[in-house]
N, C-alpha and C. Protein backbone atom coordinates (compact mmCIF):
# COMPACT_ATOMS: atom_id res chain seq x y z
N MET A 1 181.35 55.12 40.01
CA MET A 1 182.18 54.70 38.91
C MET A 1 183.11 55.85 38.92
N SER A 2 184.33 55.09 38.79
CA SER A 2 185.61 55.83 38.92
C SER A 2 185.86 56.34 37.64
N LYS A 3 186.92 57.42 37.49
CA LYS A 3 187.07 58.18 36.47
C LYS A 3 187.50 57.06 35.59
N MET A 4 188.55 56.03 35.65
CA MET A 4 188.97 55.39 34.48
C MET A 4 187.91 54.36 33.97
N SER A 5 187.13 53.96 34.99
CA SER A 5 186.22 53.42 34.05
C SER A 5 185.36 54.04 33.35
N GLU A 6 185.19 55.05 33.69
CA GLU A 6 184.01 56.08 32.83
C GLU A 6 184.97 56.14 31.23
N MET A 7 186.00 56.44 31.58
CA MET A 7 187.31 56.73 30.50
C MET A 7 187.13 55.30 29.40
N ASP A 8 187.04 54.38 30.22
CA ASP A 8 187.16 52.95 29.44
C ASP A 8 185.77 52.88 28.46
N LEU A 9 184.73 53.19 29.45
CA LEU A 9 183.73 53.26 28.78
C LEU A 9 183.48 54.10 27.70
N THR A 10 183.88 55.28 27.73
CA THR A 10 184.00 56.57 26.75
C THR A 10 184.49 55.78 25.09
N ILE A 11 186.07 55.53 25.65
CA ILE A 11 186.87 54.89 24.49
C ILE A 11 185.97 53.70 23.75
N LYS A 12 185.34 52.73 24.46
CA LYS A 12 184.55 51.54 23.72
C LYS A 12 183.74 52.33 22.95
N GLU A 13 182.91 53.37 23.50
CA GLU A 13 181.67 53.93 22.37
C GLU A 13 182.03 54.65 21.42
N LEU A 14 183.35 55.29 21.69
CA LEU A 14 184.07 55.79 20.31
C LEU A 14 184.42 54.71 19.51
N ARG A 15 185.01 53.79 20.06
CA ARG A 15 185.50 52.99 19.04
C ARG A 15 183.92 51.98 18.21
N ASP A 16 182.94 51.60 19.15
CA ASP A 16 181.60 51.28 18.54
C ASP A 16 181.03 52.20 17.56
N ALA A 17 181.05 53.37 17.86
CA ALA A 17 180.78 54.51 16.89
C ALA A 17 181.61 54.38 15.71
N ALA A 18 182.90 54.45 15.76
CA ALA A 18 183.83 54.49 14.24
C ALA A 18 183.54 53.05 13.46
N ALA A 19 183.34 51.92 13.95
CA ALA A 19 183.41 50.90 13.51
C ALA A 19 181.82 50.93 12.55
N ALA A 20 180.73 51.54 13.42
CA ALA A 20 179.40 51.85 12.82
C ALA A 20 179.50 52.51 11.60
N ILE A 21 180.35 53.77 11.70
CA ILE A 21 180.63 54.70 10.52
C ILE A 21 181.33 53.94 9.34
N ASN A 22 182.43 53.45 9.85
CA ASN A 22 183.14 52.66 8.65
C ASN A 22 182.32 51.51 8.04
N SER A 23 181.52 50.83 9.08
CA SER A 23 180.62 49.89 8.22
C SER A 23 179.55 50.93 7.29
N ALA A 24 179.22 51.70 7.61
CA ALA A 24 178.26 52.55 6.49
C ALA A 24 178.63 53.06 5.78
N ALA A 25 180.17 53.79 5.64
CA ALA A 25 180.95 54.51 4.53
C ALA A 25 181.20 53.03 3.80
N ASP A 26 181.44 51.81 3.98
CA ASP A 26 181.56 50.79 3.11
C ASP A 26 180.33 50.45 2.44
N TRP A 27 179.13 50.29 3.03
CA TRP A 27 177.70 49.92 2.44
C TRP A 27 177.40 51.49 1.18
N LEU A 28 177.90 52.26 1.73
CA LEU A 28 177.86 53.57 0.51
C LEU A 28 178.57 53.34 -0.74
N ALA A 29 179.80 53.10 -0.23
CA ALA A 29 180.69 53.03 -1.40
C ALA A 29 180.12 51.90 -2.18
N GLY A 30 179.73 50.83 -1.61
CA GLY A 30 179.30 49.83 -2.44
C GLY A 30 178.23 49.92 -3.16
N GLN A 31 177.45 50.75 -3.01
CA GLN A 31 176.16 51.01 -3.62
C GLN A 31 176.50 52.14 -4.72
N PHE A 32 177.34 52.94 -4.53
CA PHE A 32 177.66 53.89 -5.89
C PHE A 32 178.88 53.45 -6.63
N SER A 33 179.16 52.11 -6.21
CA SER A 33 180.34 51.67 -7.10
C SER A 33 179.77 50.82 -8.02
N GLY A 34 178.96 49.85 -8.05
CA GLY A 34 178.46 48.96 -8.62
C GLY A 34 178.63 48.03 -8.41
N THR A 35 179.35 47.56 -6.84
CA THR A 35 179.88 46.57 -6.59
C THR A 35 178.92 45.35 -5.89
N GLN A 36 177.62 46.08 -5.44
CA GLN A 36 176.55 45.69 -4.81
C GLN A 36 176.25 44.61 -5.54
N ASP A 37 176.04 44.00 -6.72
CA ASP A 37 175.67 43.01 -7.60
C ASP A 37 176.59 41.90 -7.02
N GLN A 38 177.74 41.86 -6.93
CA GLN A 38 179.17 40.93 -6.48
C GLN A 38 178.70 40.52 -4.94
N GLU A 39 178.21 41.60 -4.11
CA GLU A 39 178.16 41.54 -3.01
C GLU A 39 176.84 40.19 -2.35
N VAL A 40 175.71 40.31 -3.59
CA VAL A 40 174.74 39.38 -3.15
C VAL A 40 174.19 38.71 -4.35
N PRO A 41 174.81 37.32 -4.23
CA PRO A 41 174.73 36.47 -5.63
C PRO A 41 173.17 36.15 -6.03
N LYS A 42 173.03 36.62 -7.07
CA LYS A 42 171.53 36.10 -7.54
C LYS A 42 171.04 34.83 -7.46
N LYS A 43 169.94 34.55 -7.11
CA LYS A 43 169.87 32.94 -6.92
C LYS A 43 168.98 32.55 -8.20
N GLU A 44 169.54 31.55 -8.78
CA GLU A 44 168.67 31.05 -10.06
C GLU A 44 167.48 30.45 -9.45
N PRO A 45 166.49 30.44 -10.30
CA PRO A 45 165.24 29.89 -10.16
C PRO A 45 165.03 28.19 -10.27
N GLU A 46 164.57 27.62 -9.07
CA GLU A 46 164.51 26.42 -9.20
C GLU A 46 163.73 25.64 -10.47
N LEU A 47 164.73 24.93 -11.28
CA LEU A 47 163.57 24.07 -12.57
C LEU A 47 162.92 23.03 -11.72
N LYS A 48 161.76 23.15 -12.50
CA LYS A 48 160.74 22.25 -12.03
C LYS A 48 160.50 21.35 -12.97
N LEU A 49 159.74 20.25 -13.11
CA LEU A 49 159.75 18.91 -14.06
C LEU A 49 159.06 19.30 -15.12
N GLU A 50 158.05 20.41 -14.88
CA GLU A 50 157.11 20.78 -15.97
C GLU A 50 157.78 21.54 -16.97
N ASP A 51 158.95 22.22 -16.28
CA ASP A 51 159.75 23.15 -17.30
C ASP A 51 160.85 22.06 -18.00
N VAL A 52 161.44 21.30 -17.39
CA VAL A 52 161.99 20.23 -18.47
C VAL A 52 161.37 19.46 -19.47
N ARG A 53 160.22 19.17 -18.98
CA ARG A 53 159.34 18.41 -19.91
C ARG A 53 159.03 19.27 -20.88
N ALA A 54 158.47 20.43 -20.85
CA ALA A 54 158.35 21.28 -21.90
C ALA A 54 159.66 21.36 -22.92
N VAL A 55 160.63 21.66 -22.44
CA VAL A 55 161.99 21.73 -23.44
C VAL A 55 162.28 20.15 -24.06
N LEU A 56 161.93 19.07 -23.40
CA LEU A 56 162.24 17.71 -23.85
C LEU A 56 161.37 17.55 -24.90
N ALA A 57 159.96 17.88 -24.55
CA ALA A 57 158.95 17.63 -25.79
C ALA A 57 158.92 18.39 -27.01
N ASP A 58 159.39 19.46 -26.59
CA ASP A 58 159.84 20.63 -27.94
C ASP A 58 161.20 19.77 -28.78
N MET A 59 162.07 19.03 -27.97
CA MET A 59 163.23 18.82 -28.94
C MET A 59 162.91 17.44 -29.55
N SER A 60 161.77 16.48 -28.70
CA SER A 60 161.42 15.35 -29.27
C SER A 60 160.65 15.55 -30.70
N ARG A 61 160.17 16.86 -30.65
CA ARG A 61 159.06 17.18 -31.71
C ARG A 61 160.30 17.53 -33.02
N LYS A 62 161.07 18.00 -32.68
CA LYS A 62 162.10 17.99 -33.87
C LYS A 62 163.22 16.93 -34.04
N GLY A 63 162.78 16.29 -33.66
CA GLY A 63 163.22 14.61 -34.05
C GLY A 63 164.51 14.10 -33.40
N HIS A 64 164.68 14.64 -32.23
CA HIS A 64 165.59 14.22 -31.22
C HIS A 64 165.01 13.10 -30.27
N THR A 65 164.28 12.44 -30.14
CA THR A 65 163.60 11.53 -29.30
C THR A 65 164.87 10.33 -29.16
N ALA A 66 165.50 10.09 -29.88
CA ALA A 66 166.46 9.07 -29.58
C ALA A 66 167.18 9.28 -28.52
N GLU A 67 167.76 10.54 -28.76
CA GLU A 67 169.01 11.16 -28.37
C GLU A 67 168.41 11.46 -26.74
N ILE A 68 167.00 12.02 -26.75
CA ILE A 68 166.59 12.44 -25.23
C ILE A 68 166.57 11.07 -24.49
N ARG A 69 166.21 10.14 -25.20
CA ARG A 69 166.11 8.32 -24.34
C ARG A 69 167.77 8.46 -23.61
N ASP A 70 168.59 8.60 -24.79
CA ASP A 70 170.29 8.37 -24.14
C ASP A 70 170.43 9.19 -23.02
N LEU A 71 170.11 10.30 -23.31
CA LEU A 71 170.57 11.43 -22.24
C LEU A 71 169.51 11.34 -20.72
N LEU A 72 168.24 10.59 -21.14
CA LEU A 72 167.64 10.22 -19.88
C LEU A 72 168.49 8.94 -19.01
N LYS A 73 169.18 8.02 -19.85
CA LYS A 73 169.88 6.80 -19.42
C LYS A 73 170.67 7.22 -18.95
N LYS A 74 171.64 8.28 -19.37
CA LYS A 74 173.05 9.17 -18.97
C LYS A 74 172.59 9.31 -17.27
N TYR A 75 171.28 10.10 -16.86
CA TYR A 75 171.15 10.65 -15.74
C TYR A 75 170.26 9.25 -15.01
N GLY A 76 170.48 8.03 -15.31
CA GLY A 76 169.92 6.81 -14.66
C GLY A 76 168.52 6.96 -14.63
N ALA A 77 167.64 7.30 -15.69
CA ALA A 77 166.60 7.12 -15.57
C ALA A 77 165.84 6.85 -17.08
N GLU A 78 164.70 5.91 -17.21
CA GLU A 78 164.09 5.47 -18.31
C GLU A 78 163.24 6.77 -18.70
N LYS A 79 162.75 7.33 -17.84
CA LYS A 79 161.85 9.07 -18.17
C LYS A 79 162.22 9.92 -17.30
N LEU A 80 161.81 11.11 -17.60
CA LEU A 80 162.18 12.21 -16.56
C LEU A 80 161.74 12.03 -15.45
N SER A 81 160.68 11.56 -14.89
CA SER A 81 160.64 11.62 -13.57
C SER A 81 161.15 10.56 -12.93
N GLY A 82 162.16 10.22 -13.52
CA GLY A 82 163.14 9.00 -12.80
C GLY A 82 164.40 10.21 -12.60
N VAL A 83 164.58 10.89 -13.34
CA VAL A 83 165.85 12.05 -12.97
C VAL A 83 165.81 12.88 -11.90
N ASP A 84 166.82 13.16 -11.13
CA ASP A 84 167.29 13.41 -9.90
C ASP A 84 166.92 15.09 -10.39
N LYS A 85 165.90 15.78 -9.54
CA LYS A 85 166.38 17.44 -9.75
C LYS A 85 167.40 17.93 -9.96
N ALA A 86 168.48 17.30 -9.36
CA ALA A 86 169.76 18.19 -9.13
C ALA A 86 170.46 18.39 -10.13
N ASN A 87 169.82 16.95 -11.27
CA ASN A 87 170.27 17.00 -12.91
C ASN A 87 169.96 17.66 -13.52
N TYR A 88 168.55 18.41 -13.51
CA TYR A 88 167.90 19.04 -14.38
C TYR A 88 168.61 20.05 -15.15
N LYS A 89 169.53 20.80 -14.62
CA LYS A 89 170.15 21.90 -15.10
C LYS A 89 171.09 21.19 -16.16
N ALA A 90 171.96 20.25 -16.09
CA ALA A 90 172.77 19.61 -16.81
C ALA A 90 172.01 18.74 -17.79
N LEU A 91 171.03 18.27 -17.17
CA LEU A 91 170.25 17.51 -18.60
C LEU A 91 169.88 18.61 -19.59
N LEU A 92 169.23 19.81 -19.06
CA LEU A 92 168.94 20.49 -20.06
C LEU A 92 170.34 21.41 -20.95
N LYS A 93 171.13 21.41 -20.13
CA LYS A 93 172.51 21.90 -21.19
C LYS A 93 172.72 20.63 -22.02
N ASP A 94 172.78 19.59 -21.84
CA ASP A 94 172.78 18.50 -22.85
C ASP A 94 172.04 18.26 -23.87
N VAL A 95 170.87 18.93 -23.54
CA VAL A 95 169.58 18.55 -24.63
C VAL A 95 169.74 19.98 -25.78
N GLU A 96 170.22 20.98 -24.98
CA GLU A 96 170.75 22.24 -25.89
C GLU A 96 171.68 21.78 -26.78
N GLY A 97 172.54 21.17 -26.43
CA GLY A 97 173.47 20.38 -27.34
C GLY A 97 172.95 19.89 -28.67
N LEU A 98 171.84 19.34 -28.32
CA LEU A 98 171.14 18.45 -29.42
C LEU A 98 171.09 19.16 -30.77
N ASP A 99 170.46 20.61 -30.31
CA ASP A 99 170.09 21.23 -31.64
C ASP A 99 171.29 21.93 -32.47
N ASP A 100 172.66 21.74 -31.63
CA ASP A 100 173.66 22.52 -32.54
C ASP A 100 174.48 21.48 -33.42
N GLY A 101 174.08 20.19 -33.60
CA GLY A 101 174.12 19.01 -34.09
C GLY A 101 173.84 19.19 -35.46
N ASN A 102 172.49 20.11 -35.56
CA ASN A 102 171.90 20.07 -36.81
C ASN A 102 172.38 20.96 -37.87
C-alpha cells in the first residue's frame, strides 16, 4: 500500500471516529437535557371494542342512549361493532362531550 493510500485510509478512519464521538455526544446531551422524550414519541395504546363498549354502556346508563345512537350513525353504524376501529378515539371524544351537556 502506498503512503498516499495509507494517509487516505487514516483520514477516513479519523473522520469516522469523529462522527461516532459527535453522535455519542448528541445522545448524552439528549439524555441529560430532558429532550429524549421529544425524540421518542410515546405510542398510545390501541383502543379495543370492549373498552369503547364499556364507556358507551356507562354513558347509556346515565341517560344518553339516544345521543349514543346518533353518534353511532354519525360514524356510519347502527351498533358499535359496525364502527371502524380508526374512529374509536373520535367516537369516545364525542361521547365525553355528552356529559358536559348536563
